PDB file of N, CA and C in Angstrom:
ATOM      1  N   UNK A   1     -21.688   5.235  -7.085  1.00  0.00           N
ATOM      2  CA  UNK A   1     -22.691   4.643  -6.242  1.00  0.00           C
ATOM      3  C   UNK A   1     -22.334   3.201  -5.874  1.00  0.00           C
ATOM      4  N   UNK A   2     -21.349   2.628  -6.528  1.00  0.00           N
ATOM      5  CA  UNK A   2     -20.973   1.250  -6.214  1.00  0.00           C
ATOM      6  C   UNK A   2     -20.367   1.148  -4.828  1.00  0.00           C
ATOM      7  N   UNK A   3     -19.755   2.225  -4.353  1.00  0.00           N
ATOM      8  CA  UNK A   3     -19.173   2.224  -3.018  1.00  0.00           C
ATOM      9  C   UNK A   3     -20.247   1.986  -1.960  1.00  0.00           C
ATOM     10  N   UNK A   4     -21.418   2.557  -2.173  1.00  0.00           N
ATOM     11  CA  UNK A   4     -22.518   2.393  -1.222  1.00  0.00           C
ATOM     12  C   UNK A   4     -23.081   0.971  -1.250  1.00  0.00           C
ATOM     13  N   UNK A   5     -22.875   0.242  -2.330  1.00  0.00           N
ATOM     14  CA  UNK A   5     -23.388  -1.121  -2.434  1.00  0.00           C
ATOM     15  C   UNK A   5     -22.512  -2.144  -1.715  1.00  0.00           C
ATOM     16  N   UNK A   6     -21.306  -1.755  -1.339  1.00  0.00           N
ATOM     17  CA  UNK A   6     -20.425  -2.671  -0.602  1.00  0.00           C
ATOM     18  C   UNK A   6     -20.874  -2.765   0.852  1.00  0.00           C
ATOM     19  N   UNK A   7     -20.509  -3.873   1.486  1.00  0.00           N
ATOM     20  CA  UNK A   7     -20.780  -4.006   2.911  1.00  0.00           C
ATOM     21  C   UNK A   7     -19.902  -3.025   3.688  1.00  0.00           C
ATOM     22  N   UNK A   8     -20.267  -2.776   4.922  1.00  0.00           N
ATOM     23  CA  UNK A   8     -19.555  -1.772   5.727  1.00  0.00           C
ATOM     24  C   UNK A   8     -18.077  -2.126   5.891  1.00  0.00           C
ATOM     25  N   UNK A   9     -17.783  -3.387   6.138  1.00  0.00           N
ATOM     26  CA  UNK A   9     -16.390  -3.781   6.326  1.00  0.00           C
ATOM     27  C   UNK A   9     -15.579  -3.576   5.048  1.00  0.00           C
ATOM     28  N   UNK A  10     -16.188  -3.836   3.899  1.00  0.00           N
ATOM     29  CA  UNK A  10     -15.480  -3.640   2.631  1.00  0.00           C
ATOM     30  C   UNK A  10     -15.294  -2.157   2.324  1.00  0.00           C
ATOM     31  N   UNK A  11     -16.237  -1.327   2.735  1.00  0.00           N
ATOM     32  CA  UNK A  11     -16.062   0.121   2.567  1.00  0.00           C
ATOM     33  C   UNK A  11     -14.892   0.607   3.416  1.00  0.00           C
ATOM     34  N   UNK A  12     -14.821   0.121   4.662  1.00  0.00           N
ATOM     35  CA  UNK A  12     -13.714   0.506   5.529  1.00  0.00           C
ATOM     36  C   UNK A  12     -12.383   0.000   4.975  1.00  0.00           C
ATOM     37  N   UNK A  13     -12.359  -1.238   4.538  1.00  0.00           N
ATOM     38  CA  UNK A  13     -11.122  -1.797   3.982  1.00  0.00           C
ATOM     39  C   UNK A  13     -10.662  -1.030   2.751  1.00  0.00           C
ATOM     40  N   UNK A  14     -11.606  -0.668   1.893  1.00  0.00           N
ATOM     41  CA  UNK A  14     -11.216   0.051   0.678  1.00  0.00           C
ATOM     42  C   UNK A  14     -10.704   1.443   1.006  1.00  0.00           C
ATOM     43  N   UNK A  15     -11.314   2.117   1.981  1.00  0.00           N
ATOM     44  CA  UNK A  15     -10.850   3.455   2.353  1.00  0.00           C
ATOM     45  C   UNK A  15      -9.462   3.395   2.994  1.00  0.00           C
ATOM     46  N   UNK A  16      -9.262   2.462   3.906  1.00  0.00           N
ATOM     47  CA  UNK A  16      -7.955   2.331   4.557  1.00  0.00           C
ATOM     48  C   UNK A  16      -6.892   1.936   3.542  1.00  0.00           C
ATOM     49  N   UNK A  17      -7.228   1.032   2.648  1.00  0.00           N
ATOM     50  CA  UNK A  17      -6.267   0.602   1.625  1.00  0.00           C
ATOM     51  C   UNK A  17      -5.905   1.737   0.690  1.00  0.00           C
ATOM     52  N   UNK A  18      -6.882   2.541   0.308  1.00  0.00           N
ATOM     53  CA  UNK A  18      -6.597   3.673  -0.569  1.00  0.00           C
ATOM     54  C   UNK A  18      -5.665   4.668   0.111  1.00  0.00           C
ATOM     55  N   UNK A  19      -5.892   4.923   1.398  1.00  0.00           N
ATOM     56  CA  UNK A  19      -5.025   5.847   2.127  1.00  0.00           C
ATOM     57  C   UNK A  19      -3.611   5.276   2.248  1.00  0.00           C
ATOM     58  N   UNK A  20      -3.493   3.997   2.569  1.00  0.00           N
ATOM     59  CA  UNK A  20      -2.174   3.384   2.686  1.00  0.00           C
ATOM     60  C   UNK A  20      -1.437   3.346   1.350  1.00  0.00           C
ATOM     61  N   UNK A  21      -2.138   2.991   0.275  1.00  0.00           N
ATOM     62  CA  UNK A  21      -1.493   2.954  -1.040  1.00  0.00           C
ATOM     63  C   UNK A  21      -1.026   4.343  -1.449  1.00  0.00           C
ATOM     64  N   UNK A  22      -1.818   5.365  -1.163  1.00  0.00           N
ATOM     65  CA  UNK A  22      -1.403   6.736  -1.474  1.00  0.00           C
ATOM     66  C   UNK A  22      -0.186   7.133  -0.642  1.00  0.00           C
ATOM     67  N   UNK A  23      -0.162   6.719   0.619  1.00  0.00           N
ATOM     68  CA  UNK A  23       0.999   7.003   1.461  1.00  0.00           C
ATOM     69  C   UNK A  23       2.255   6.299   0.994  1.00  0.00           C
ATOM     70  N   UNK A  24       2.120   5.033   0.626  1.00  0.00           N
ATOM     71  CA  UNK A  24       3.267   4.297   0.089  1.00  0.00           C
ATOM     72  C   UNK A  24       3.785   4.960  -1.193  1.00  0.00           C
ATOM     73  N   UNK A  25       2.852   5.365  -2.052  1.00  0.00           N
ATOM     74  CA  UNK A  25       3.238   5.997  -3.307  1.00  0.00           C
ATOM     75  C   UNK A  25       3.949   7.328  -3.047  1.00  0.00           C
ATOM     76  N   UNK A  26       3.422   8.119  -2.106  1.00  0.00           N
ATOM     77  CA  UNK A  26       4.048   9.406  -1.779  1.00  0.00           C
ATOM     78  C   UNK A  26       5.440   9.188  -1.179  1.00  0.00           C
ATOM     79  N   UNK A  27       5.593   8.157  -0.362  1.00  0.00           N
ATOM     80  CA  UNK A  27       6.903   7.864   0.211  1.00  0.00           C
ATOM     81  C   UNK A  27       7.902   7.489  -0.879  1.00  0.00           C
ATOM     82  N   UNK A  28       7.470   6.714  -1.861  1.00  0.00           N
ATOM     83  CA  UNK A  28       8.366   6.366  -2.977  1.00  0.00           C
ATOM     84  C   UNK A  28       8.742   7.596  -3.794  1.00  0.00           C
ATOM     85  N   UNK A  29       7.777   8.480  -4.029  1.00  0.00           N
ATOM     86  CA  UNK A  29       8.086   9.722  -4.746  1.00  0.00           C
ATOM     87  C   UNK A  29       9.073  10.575  -3.963  1.00  0.00           C
ATOM     88  N   UNK A  30       8.891  10.626  -2.655  1.00  0.00           N
ATOM     89  CA  UNK A  30       9.822  11.378  -1.804  1.00  0.00           C
ATOM     90  C   UNK A  30      11.227  10.771  -1.898  1.00  0.00           C
ATOM     91  N   UNK A  31      11.317   9.461  -1.872  1.00  0.00           N
ATOM     92  CA  UNK A  31      12.615   8.802  -1.975  1.00  0.00           C
ATOM     93  C   UNK A  31      13.260   9.050  -3.338  1.00  0.00           C
ATOM     94  N   UNK A  32      12.457   9.105  -4.379  1.00  0.00           N
ATOM     95  CA  UNK A  32      12.998   9.382  -5.710  1.00  0.00           C
ATOM     96  C   UNK A  32      13.527  10.805  -5.831  1.00  0.00           C
ATOM     97  N   UNK A  33      12.915  11.727  -5.101  1.00  0.00           N
ATOM     98  CA  UNK A  33      13.295  13.136  -5.224  1.00  0.00           C
ATOM     99  C   UNK A  33      14.549  13.482  -4.444  1.00  0.00           C
ATOM    100  N   UNK A  34      15.041  12.594  -3.594  1.00  0.00           N
ATOM    101  CA  UNK A  34      16.207  12.883  -2.773  1.00  0.00           C
ATOM    102  C   UNK A  34      17.490  12.835  -3.604  1.00  0.00           C
ATOM    103  N   UNK A  35      18.324  13.851  -3.467  1.00  0.00           N
ATOM    104  CA  UNK A  35      19.596  13.828  -4.204  1.00  0.00           C
ATOM    105  C   UNK A  35      20.574  12.847  -3.548  1.00  0.00           C
ATOM    106  N   UNK A  36      21.425  12.277  -4.369  1.00  0.00           N
ATOM    107  CA  UNK A  36      22.397  11.322  -3.856  1.00  0.00           C
ATOM    108  C   UNK A  36      23.580  11.229  -4.807  1.00  0.00           C
ATOM    109  N   UNK A  37      24.757  10.989  -4.222  1.00  0.00           N
ATOM    110  CA  UNK A  37      25.975  10.775  -5.021  1.00  0.00           C
ATOM    111  C   UNK A  37      26.347   9.302  -5.057  1.00  0.00           C
ATOM    112  N   UNK A  38      25.466   8.460  -4.560  1.00  0.00           N
ATOM    113  CA  UNK A  38      25.729   7.026  -4.507  1.00  0.00           C
ATOM    114  C   UNK A  38      25.804   6.451  -5.917  1.00  0.00           C
ATOM    115  N   UNK A  39      26.841   5.664  -6.223  1.00  0.00           N
ATOM    116  CA  UNK A  39      26.941   5.093  -7.567  1.00  0.00           C
ATOM    117  C   UNK A  39      25.838   4.080  -7.879  1.00  0.00           C
ATOM    118  N   UNK A  40      25.152   3.580  -6.874  1.00  0.00           N
ATOM    119  CA  UNK A  40      24.077   2.620  -7.097  1.00  0.00           C
ATOM    120  C   UNK A  40      22.700   3.286  -7.142  1.00  0.00           C
ATOM    121  N   UNK A  41      22.665   4.586  -7.277  1.00  0.00           N
ATOM    122  CA  UNK A  41      21.390   5.307  -7.300  1.00  0.00           C
ATOM    123  C   UNK A  41      20.530   4.870  -8.482  1.00  0.00           C
ATOM    124  N   UNK A  42      21.137   4.543  -9.594  1.00  0.00           N
ATOM    125  CA  UNK A  42      20.373   4.096 -10.757  1.00  0.00           C
ATOM    126  C   UNK A  42      19.584   2.824 -10.476  1.00  0.00           C
ATOM    127  N   UNK A  43      20.209   1.901  -9.761  1.00  0.00           N
ATOM    128  CA  UNK A  43      19.503   0.673  -9.395  1.00  0.00           C
ATOM    129  C   UNK A  43      18.374   0.968  -8.419  1.00  0.00           C
ATOM    130  N   UNK A  44      18.605   1.890  -7.497  1.00  0.00           N
ATOM    131  CA  UNK A  44      17.566   2.249  -6.529  1.00  0.00           C
ATOM    132  C   UNK A  44      16.392   2.927  -7.219  1.00  0.00           C
ATOM    133  N   UNK A  45      16.690   3.790  -8.174  1.00  0.00           N
ATOM    134  CA  UNK A  45      15.621   4.473  -8.915  1.00  0.00           C
ATOM    135  C   UNK A  45      14.818   3.459  -9.721  1.00  0.00           C
ATOM    136  N   UNK A  46      15.497   2.528 -10.352  1.00  0.00           N
ATOM    137  CA  UNK A  46      14.787   1.500 -11.112  1.00  0.00           C
ATOM    138  C   UNK A  46      13.876   0.667 -10.237  1.00  0.00           C
ATOM    139  N   UNK A  47      14.350   0.307  -9.047  1.00  0.00           N
ATOM    140  CA  UNK A  47      13.524  -0.466  -8.130  1.00  0.00           C
ATOM    141  C   UNK A  47      12.333   0.349  -7.644  1.00  0.00           C
ATOM    142  N   UNK A  48      12.555   1.623  -7.313  1.00  0.00           N
ATOM    143  CA  UNK A  48      11.456   2.468  -6.834  1.00  0.00           C
ATOM    144  C   UNK A  48      10.398   2.683  -7.912  1.00  0.00           C
ATOM    145  N   UNK A  49      10.834   2.816  -9.153  1.00  0.00           N
ATOM    146  CA  UNK A  49       9.863   2.950 -10.244  1.00  0.00           C
ATOM    147  C   UNK A  49       9.055   1.662 -10.380  1.00  0.00           C
ATOM    148  N   UNK A  50       9.708   0.522 -10.243  1.00  0.00           N
ATOM    149  CA  UNK A  50       9.001  -0.762 -10.282  1.00  0.00           C
ATOM    150  C   UNK A  50       7.979  -0.857  -9.147  1.00  0.00           C
ATOM    151  N   UNK A  51       8.365  -0.441  -7.941  1.00  0.00           N
ATOM    152  CA  UNK A  51       7.449  -0.456  -6.799  1.00  0.00           C
ATOM    153  C   UNK A  51       6.267   0.481  -7.055  1.00  0.00           C
ATOM    154  N   UNK A  52       6.531   1.644  -7.646  1.00  0.00           N
ATOM    155  CA  UNK A  52       5.441   2.573  -7.933  1.00  0.00           C
ATOM    156  C   UNK A  52       4.475   2.004  -8.964  1.00  0.00           C
ATOM    157  N   UNK A  53       4.982   1.288  -9.949  1.00  0.00           N
ATOM    158  CA  UNK A  53       4.099   0.647 -10.928  1.00  0.00           C
ATOM    159  C   UNK A  53       3.235  -0.408 -10.248  1.00  0.00           C
ATOM    160  N   UNK A  54       3.820  -1.175  -9.353  1.00  0.00           N
ATOM    161  CA  UNK A  54       3.052  -2.173  -8.598  1.00  0.00           C
ATOM    162  C   UNK A  54       1.982  -1.488  -7.752  1.00  0.00           C
ATOM    163  N   UNK A  55       2.334  -0.389  -7.097  1.00  0.00           N
ATOM    164  CA  UNK A  55       1.359   0.342  -6.289  1.00  0.00           C
ATOM    165  C   UNK A  55       0.225   0.906  -7.149  1.00  0.00           C
ATOM    166  N   UNK A  56       0.563   1.395  -8.336  1.00  0.00           N
ATOM    167  CA  UNK A  56      -0.482   1.879  -9.244  1.00  0.00           C
ATOM    168  C   UNK A  56      -1.392   0.745  -9.695  1.00  0.00           C
ATOM    169  N   UNK A  57      -0.817  -0.426  -9.944  1.00  0.00           N
ATOM    170  CA  UNK A  57      -1.640  -1.583 -10.315  1.00  0.00           C
ATOM    171  C   UNK A  57      -2.556  -2.009  -9.169  1.00  0.00           C
ATOM    172  N   UNK A  58      -2.051  -1.962  -7.945  1.00  0.00           N
ATOM    173  CA  UNK A  58      -2.901  -2.277  -6.795  1.00  0.00           C
ATOM    174  C   UNK A  58      -4.013  -1.241  -6.627  1.00  0.00           C
ATOM    175  N   UNK A  59      -3.687   0.023  -6.862  1.00  0.00           N
ATOM    176  CA  UNK A  59      -4.714   1.067  -6.801  1.00  0.00           C
ATOM    177  C   UNK A  59      -5.766   0.882  -7.873  1.00  0.00           C
ATOM    178  N   UNK A  60      -5.335   0.498  -9.057  1.00  0.00           N
ATOM    179  CA  UNK A  60      -6.295   0.241 -10.133  1.00  0.00           C
ATOM    180  C   UNK A  60      -7.177  -0.958  -9.793  1.00  0.00           C
ATOM    181  N   UNK A  61      -6.579  -1.996  -9.227  1.00  0.00           N
ATOM    182  CA  UNK A  61      -7.365  -3.178  -8.844  1.00  0.00           C
ATOM    183  C   UNK A  61      -8.347  -2.831  -7.729  1.00  0.00           C
ATOM    184  N   UNK A  62      -7.941  -1.970  -6.800  1.00  0.00           N
ATOM    185  CA  UNK A  62      -8.854  -1.536  -5.743  1.00  0.00           C
ATOM    186  C   UNK A  62     -10.017  -0.753  -6.341  1.00  0.00           C
ATOM    187  N   UNK A  63      -9.717   0.138  -7.253  1.00  0.00           N
ATOM    188  CA  UNK A  63     -10.783   0.909  -7.912  1.00  0.00           C
ATOM    189  C   UNK A  63     -11.722  -0.028  -8.677  1.00  0.00           C
ATOM    190  N   UNK A  64     -11.156  -0.991  -9.362  1.00  0.00           N
ATOM    191  CA  UNK A  64     -11.967  -1.947 -10.109  1.00  0.00           C
ATOM    192  C   UNK A  64     -12.856  -2.756  -9.166  1.00  0.00           C
ATOM    193  N   UNK A  65     -12.309  -3.176  -8.046  1.00  0.00           N
ATOM    194  CA  UNK A  65     -13.096  -3.933  -7.081  1.00  0.00           C
ATOM    195  C   UNK A  65     -14.226  -3.129  -6.484  1.00  0.00           C
ATOM    196  N   UNK A  66     -13.983  -1.855  -6.205  1.00  0.00           N
ATOM    197  CA  UNK A  66     -15.033  -1.005  -5.631  1.00  0.00           C
ATOM    198  C   UNK A  66     -16.069  -0.649  -6.687  1.00  0.00           C
ATOM    199  N   UNK A  67     -15.621  -0.312  -7.878  1.00  0.00           N
ATOM    200  CA  UNK A  67     -16.575   0.133  -8.902  1.00  0.00           C
ATOM    201  C   UNK A  67     -17.472  -0.993  -9.403  1.00  0.00           C
ATOM    202  N   UNK A  68     -16.975  -2.217  -9.348  1.00  0.00           N
ATOM    203  CA  UNK A  68     -17.786  -3.348  -9.810  1.00  0.00           C
ATOM    204  C   UNK A  68     -18.306  -4.200  -8.654  1.00  0.00           C
ATOM    205  N   UNK A  69     -18.180  -3.660  -7.440  1.00  0.00           N
ATOM    206  CA  UNK A  69     -18.616  -4.317  -6.195  1.00  0.00           C
ATOM    207  C   UNK A  69     -18.127  -5.765  -6.104  1.00  0.00           C
ATOM    208  N   UNK A  70     -16.857  -5.944  -6.306  1.00  0.00           N
ATOM    209  CA  UNK A  70     -16.215  -7.245  -6.152  1.00  0.00           C
ATOM    210  C   UNK A  70     -15.518  -7.268  -4.799  1.00  0.00           C
ATOM    211  N   UNK A  71     -16.183  -7.815  -3.806  1.00  0.00           N
ATOM    212  CA  UNK A  71     -15.644  -7.809  -2.443  1.00  0.00           C
ATOM    213  C   UNK A  71     -14.351  -8.605  -2.353  1.00  0.00           C
ATOM    214  N   UNK A  72     -14.234  -9.696  -3.093  1.00  0.00           N
ATOM    215  CA  UNK A  72     -13.029 -10.512  -3.025  1.00  0.00           C
ATOM    216  C   UNK A  72     -11.813  -9.737  -3.524  1.00  0.00           C
ATOM    217  N   UNK A  73     -12.002  -8.891  -4.526  1.00  0.00           N
ATOM    218  CA  UNK A  73     -10.888  -8.101  -5.044  1.00  0.00           C
ATOM    219  C   UNK A  73     -10.505  -6.995  -4.061  1.00  0.00           C
ATOM    220  N   UNK A  74     -11.494  -6.378  -3.448  1.00  0.00           N
ATOM    221  CA  UNK A  74     -11.225  -5.352  -2.439  1.00  0.00           C
ATOM    222  C   UNK A  74     -10.458  -5.964  -1.265  1.00  0.00           C
ATOM    223  N   UNK A  75     -10.861  -7.146  -0.835  1.00  0.00           N
ATOM    224  CA  UNK A  75     -10.193  -7.794   0.296  1.00  0.00           C
ATOM    225  C   UNK A  75      -8.780  -8.235  -0.053  1.00  0.00           C
ATOM    226  N   UNK A  76      -8.576  -8.692  -1.276  1.00  0.00           N
ATOM    227  CA  UNK A  76      -7.234  -9.107  -1.693  1.00  0.00           C
ATOM    228  C   UNK A  76      -6.282  -7.920  -1.730  1.00  0.00           C
ATOM    229  N   UNK A  77      -6.715  -6.826  -2.339  1.00  0.00           N
ATOM    230  CA  UNK A  77      -5.868  -5.629  -2.389  1.00  0.00           C
ATOM    231  C   UNK A  77      -5.649  -5.086  -0.979  1.00  0.00           C
ATOM    232  N   UNK A  78      -6.676  -5.151  -0.154  1.00  0.00           N
ATOM    233  CA  UNK A  78      -6.541  -4.674   1.229  1.00  0.00           C
ATOM    234  C   UNK A  78      -5.503  -5.494   1.987  1.00  0.00           C
ATOM    235  N   UNK A  79      -5.477  -6.784   1.753  1.00  0.00           N
ATOM    236  CA  UNK A  79      -4.462  -7.618   2.397  1.00  0.00           C
ATOM    237  C   UNK A  79      -3.065  -7.156   2.009  1.00  0.00           C
ATOM    238  N   UNK A  80      -2.840  -6.921   0.716  1.00  0.00           N
ATOM    239  CA  UNK A  80      -1.518  -6.506   0.261  1.00  0.00           C
ATOM    240  C   UNK A  80      -1.160  -5.100   0.723  1.00  0.00           C
ATOM    241  N   UNK A  81      -2.154  -4.258   0.966  1.00  0.00           N
ATOM    242  CA  UNK A  81      -1.872  -2.892   1.415  1.00  0.00           C
ATOM    243  C   UNK A  81      -1.703  -2.811   2.924  1.00  0.00           C
ATOM    244  N   UNK A  82      -2.483  -3.583   3.664  1.00  0.00           N
ATOM    245  CA  UNK A  82      -2.478  -3.475   5.124  1.00  0.00           C
ATOM    246  C   UNK A  82      -1.416  -4.362   5.763  1.00  0.00           C
ATOM    247  N   UNK A  83      -1.100  -5.490   5.161  1.00  0.00           N
ATOM    248  CA  UNK A  83      -0.155  -6.436   5.761  1.00  0.00           C
ATOM    249  C   UNK A  83       1.209  -5.826   6.077  1.00  0.00           C
ATOM    250  N   UNK A  84       1.835  -5.040   5.194  1.00  0.00           N
ATOM    251  CA  UNK A  84       3.139  -4.460   5.561  1.00  0.00           C
ATOM    252  C   UNK A  84       3.071  -3.550   6.785  1.00  0.00           C
ATOM    253  N   UNK A  85       2.005  -2.795   6.911  1.00  0.00           N
ATOM    254  CA  UNK A  85       1.868  -1.912   8.071  1.00  0.00           C
ATOM    255  C   UNK A  85       1.675  -2.724   9.346  1.00  0.00           C
ATOM    256  N   UNK A  86       0.847  -3.752   9.282  1.00  0.00           N
ATOM    257  CA  UNK A  86       0.583  -4.574  10.467  1.00  0.00           C
ATOM    258  C   UNK A  86       1.820  -5.375  10.861  1.00  0.00           C
ATOM    259  N   UNK A  87       2.544  -5.903   9.897  1.00  0.00           N
ATOM    260  CA  UNK A  87       3.723  -6.704  10.231  1.00  0.00           C
ATOM    261  C   UNK A  87       4.800  -5.840  10.874  1.00  0.00           C
ATOM    262  N   UNK A  88       4.937  -4.601  10.453  1.00  0.00           N
ATOM    263  CA  UNK A  88       5.917  -3.706  11.070  1.00  0.00           C
ATOM    264  C   UNK A  88       5.516  -3.390  12.506  1.00  0.00           C
ATOM    265  N   UNK A  89       4.240  -3.156  12.746  1.00  0.00           N
ATOM    266  CA  UNK A  89       3.764  -2.893  14.107  1.00  0.00           C
ATOM    267  C   UNK A  89       3.986  -4.119  14.988  1.00  0.00           C
ATOM    268  N   UNK A  90       3.695  -5.295  14.456  1.00  0.00           N
ATOM    269  CA  UNK A  90       3.900  -6.525  15.220  1.00  0.00           C
ATOM    270  C   UNK A  90       5.373  -6.723  15.551  1.00  0.00           C
ATOM    271  N   UNK A  91       6.237  -6.402  14.627  1.00  0.00           N
ATOM    272  CA  UNK A  91       7.669  -6.538  14.886  1.00  0.00           C
ATOM    273  C   UNK A  91       8.109  -5.581  15.986  1.00  0.00           C
ATOM    274  N   UNK A  92       7.613  -4.361  15.975  1.00  0.00           N
ATOM    275  CA  UNK A  92       7.978  -3.397  17.009  1.00  0.00           C
ATOM    276  C   UNK A  92       7.471  -3.828  18.377  1.00  0.00           C
ATOM    277  N   UNK A  93       6.268  -4.367  18.444  1.00  0.00           N
ATOM    278  CA  UNK A  93       5.729  -4.858  19.707  1.00  0.00           C
ATOM    279  C   UNK A  93       6.568  -6.035  20.217  1.00  0.00           C
ATOM    280  N   UNK A  94       6.922  -6.943  19.335  1.00  0.00           N
ATOM    281  CA  UNK A  94       7.755  -8.077  19.716  1.00  0.00           C
ATOM    282  C   UNK A  94       9.090  -7.603  20.278  1.00  0.00           C
ATOM    283  N   UNK A  95       9.743  -6.662  19.595  1.00  0.00           N
ATOM    284  CA  UNK A  95      11.043  -6.164  20.061  1.00  0.00           C
ATOM    285  C   UNK A  95      10.899  -5.411  21.382  1.00  0.00           C
ATOM    286  N   UNK A  96       9.796  -4.696  21.550  1.00  0.00           N
ATOM    287  CA  UNK A  96       9.584  -3.957  22.791  1.00  0.00           C
ATOM    288  C   UNK A  96       9.496  -4.906  23.983  1.00  0.00           C
ATOM    289  N   UNK A  97       8.763  -6.001  23.834  1.00  0.00           N
ATOM    290  CA  UNK A  97       8.596  -6.924  24.950  1.00  0.00           C
ATOM    291  C   UNK A  97       9.822  -7.791  25.206  1.00  0.00           C
ATOM    292  N   UNK A  98      10.615  -8.067  24.175  1.00  0.00           N
ATOM    293  CA  UNK A  98      11.761  -8.943  24.369  1.00  0.00           C
ATOM    294  C   UNK A  98      13.043  -8.189  24.679  1.00  0.00           C
ATOM    295  N   UNK A  99      13.080  -6.918  24.420  1.00  0.00           N
ATOM    296  CA  UNK A  99      14.262  -6.123  24.760  1.00  0.00           C
ATOM    297  C   UNK A  99      14.000  -5.173  25.922  1.00  0.00           C
ATOM    298  N   UNK A 100      12.730  -4.894  26.166  1.00  0.00           N
ATOM    299  CA  UNK A 100      12.363  -3.906  27.190  1.00  0.00           C
ATOM    300  C   UNK A 100      12.432  -4.503  28.516  1.00  0.00           C
TER     301      UNK A 100
END
């Protein structure tokens, strides 16, 4: 019921952040499952596991923010989840206008 106590913008931010964090996590799992003969695969696996732990911590912080109705925590996690997606879109728009 704590989700209903958040303001509308925080509910939207938490839902979008949860979807993005789940997508990032699934992408990392997909990358881990790919076979490779690269001698540096061990380093890549170690980095991906580290990224997955960070994503799990962000998911836990998002859950904590929603369950205890801490809007500042929801907004902070949302910034870290949404910023990579927005920055990539902004980069593509910039390249489209300057190369197109």
